[in-house]
Amino acid sequence: MKPKRQAEVAKLEAGLESLLSHATLSGENETAKQRQGMYERKPRRAWSVSDTSPPQDSGSESAPLLSSGTHMSFSPMIFHDSDTSDLDFSPIADSPRYGSAGTSNFNSMAILPRRVPLLAHDSPLITLHQTNISPPPPYCREGYYQIHNSLSDLVIDDSICKDGGTRPIIKEVGRGFLPGPLPLIQDPPPITSKSTKRTQSSLVTIFSIWNTILGSSLLTMPWGIAMAGLIPGIGLMLAMGGLCLYTAYRLLQVHKYHGAGDNGEVTALSRTLLGSWAEYIAKTFSITVMLGANIAYWVLMSNFLYYSVNFLYDIIAGLPIHPPFTNESHATEVLCPKQGLYNDSNLHDHSYDNMGPLWDLYKTVPIVLAILIFPLLNFSSATFFMKFNSLGTVSILYLIVFVIVKSTSWGINMDNKAWESSWELRPTFPALSGMLALSFFIHNIIITIMQNNENQKNNGRDLTIAYILVICTYILIGIMFYVCFPLAKSCIEDNLLNNFQKWDGLTIGARVVLFFQLLTVYPLIAYMLRIQILSAIFKTSNCTKSYVLIVNIVTVLICVLFAIFMPRVGTIIRYTGAMSGFIYVFTLPSLLHLMSMYKQGKMTMISAILHLTIPIIGVSNLAAQFLISED
C-alpha cells in the first residue's frame, strides 16, 4: 500500500479507537442504578480495530478506505451503556441494511452501526467537507461514510471505477449529529426496499375515478335518453359503459407488462409497441379531448353566468321575478324553449332579457366571460386551482339531489302510448352513443390514477366498481328526469337546467355552484391543454411567456366562437366523444393489447378478430354523428 494510503488508514483507525474509548469511559461513570436499568436489555458485542494485522491493498485506488479489501483482526468489546455503540461486522456486499458499498473481489468487511444514532436537529452533517466544529475529530475529516437520519435522505449515485465496475456512492443529503456521548435510543424502523410513493386505498381510488369521469355529461343525460328512446338508451349506456371499462382495463394490463421506466402513459406505450405514428395520433386526439372539454365548459359557464346575473339584476332593480302568466296545464317552474312559451317565439332568437341586448347569451356574455377568465389562464402553475377540486364532488352531489327532488315532486309523467314507444330505437340514437364515448372517457389518465392504488392486485376490481357506479349514476339522472318530466319529452334540453325558470330556487343554486366549480376547473383544463400543445410542438412545456399567451389567446378565441355560433353543449360533447373515443377508447387499447399478446406469443385468431371489431364500432359511431339532425 502506498505511504499516503497507509497514513490515511492509520489516521482513520485512531479516530475510531478514540470514539470507542470515549463511549467506554462514559459507561464506566454511570451509577449502579443506571447500569441496572441499562442491563435490562441484552448487551451486544462490538468490534474494535486492532493494529496487529497487516493491511492488504485491494488493488483499487478508487475504493473508499473502509470498503477496500483490507483484512483486519477484530477483538470483541462489550458496551453496556449504549446500544448505539454496537457495530456490525459483516460483508459489505451482503449488507441488507446499507447495501453494497464496494466492488472488491475480496471478502470485504466494514464496520457499520446496527442502529442509527440520535441526530441533533440543527447539527451539521458529517461529510467529506470541513465543518465548523472545533476541533473536528478525525472521522469528520476522513469520513467516507456519512450518517443519515432517514432512508429518504440517502441518494445513490453510480461512479465508475478504474476496473470498469460501478460503485454506489452515498451522497450527503440529510442532517448529521454533533460529536459527544452516544445516547441510548429506541430501535429505528427497519429500512426496507418498499417504495415511499404515496398510495391510496381502494375506496379512495374508486371514488376518484367516479368523480373524475362524472362531469358536465350529467346535464345532458336526459337529452341523450330522449334522442335514443327510454329502453334503448339504457341498453346503450350499459353497452358503452362495459366497452369503455374493458378497453380501460386492457390499457392497465398492457402497462403491467410493458410500462416499466418512462413507458407509463398511453402515448409512451403506443411509441414502444406500435411506433412513433401511434404516439403522434395519441397526442393529437388527447389534445382534441382537452379542447372539446374547454369548449363545452365555456358554453356552460356562459349559460350559468347569464341566468345568474339576470336573476340578481331583477332583484336589485325590483322587477317581478315570476312570469306574468300561468299555464295550469303544467308546472310553471318548467318550460319548453323549443316550443317558445313567450308568444310562440324561439327563445334562441330572443337571447336577452331585462338587461337588454348588451347582456346577450349568445353575443356578449361569452366575450365578457373571456375578460374575466383570461387573466386566470396565465399563471405559471395551476396548483392554486387544484385546491378547489372538492367543489367538483359538491356540485355532482348537488345535481343528483336536485334531479331526485324535482323528479319526485313531479311524479311519473308517461301515458300508455309513451310506455309502448319507449321500446323503439329512434334514428337519432347515435347522439347518445357519441356522447357516452366522452362521458365514460378516462383512458388518457387511468394508468396514472391506478398506479397510486395501494394494492395493485385490486386494480381490475376497483376499476369495475367505479364504472358500475358511474353507469348507475348516469342511469339514475337520465331515467328519472326523462320519466318524470311534466312536458313533452321532445322539450328536454341538452342542458337540463334550461328547462327551468330563472326564478326557481334550486335551479339558481345549481347554476351558481356549477359556475364556480367550472370557474376553478377551466384553468386546470386549459393548463393541461397548453402543456400538451407546447410539449407536442417544442418537446418541452417550459416555453417563453409569448408562446403561453399565444396558446391561451387561441384557446379562448375558439371557445368564444363556439359559444356564439354553436352554443349546443350536447352537439359539442357527442362530436368530441365520437372523434376522441374512436382513437383512445376503441382503437389504441385494442391494438396495444394485440401487440402485447403477439410479443408474449399468446395471440390467437379469435382474439385478433374480436379486438379488431372494436375499432370498427368506433369508426361507425363517428360516421353516424354526421348523419343525424337534432332538430
Foldseek 3Di string as FASTA:
>chain_A
DDPVLVVLLVQVLVLQVVQLVQQQVVQVPDDPVLLVVLVVDPWDKAWHFDPPDDFDALPFPPAASQFTQTDTDTDIDIRSQALQVHWDWAQQCPDPQPHHADDGPHSHTGTHTPAQFDADDPAAWQDCDDDPDPPDGSCSPRPQDTGADDPVQWDWDWDATPVGDTGTGTDGGHHGHDDDHGHYDDGDDGDDPDDPDAFDALVVLLVVLLLVLDDQQLQQLQVLCLLWFPVVSLVLLVVLLVLLLVLLVLVLVLCVVPVPDPNQFLLSLCCVQPNNVLNVVLLVLVLLLLLLVLLLLLLLLLVLVLLLVVQVVCVVVVHDQQDPDDDPLFDSFFDQQPQPPPVRDRCQVVQHDPVPPCSGSQPNSLVVVCVVQLVVLLDPDLVVLVVCSVLSVVLLVLVLVVLVVVLVVQDFAADPVSVVCSPDTHLSSLLSNLLVLSSSDDNRCLSVSLVSYPDNVCSSVSSVSSSVVNSVSSSSSNVSCQRRPNDDSLSQASRNLNRGRSPDPSSNVSSVSSSVNSSSVSSVSLVVSQQSVCCVPVVGSPDDSVSSSVSSVVSSVVSSVCSNPPSGSSLSSSLSSLVSSLSRRQNSSLVSSQSVCVVVVNDDPVSNVVSVVRSVVSVVSNVSSVVDDSD
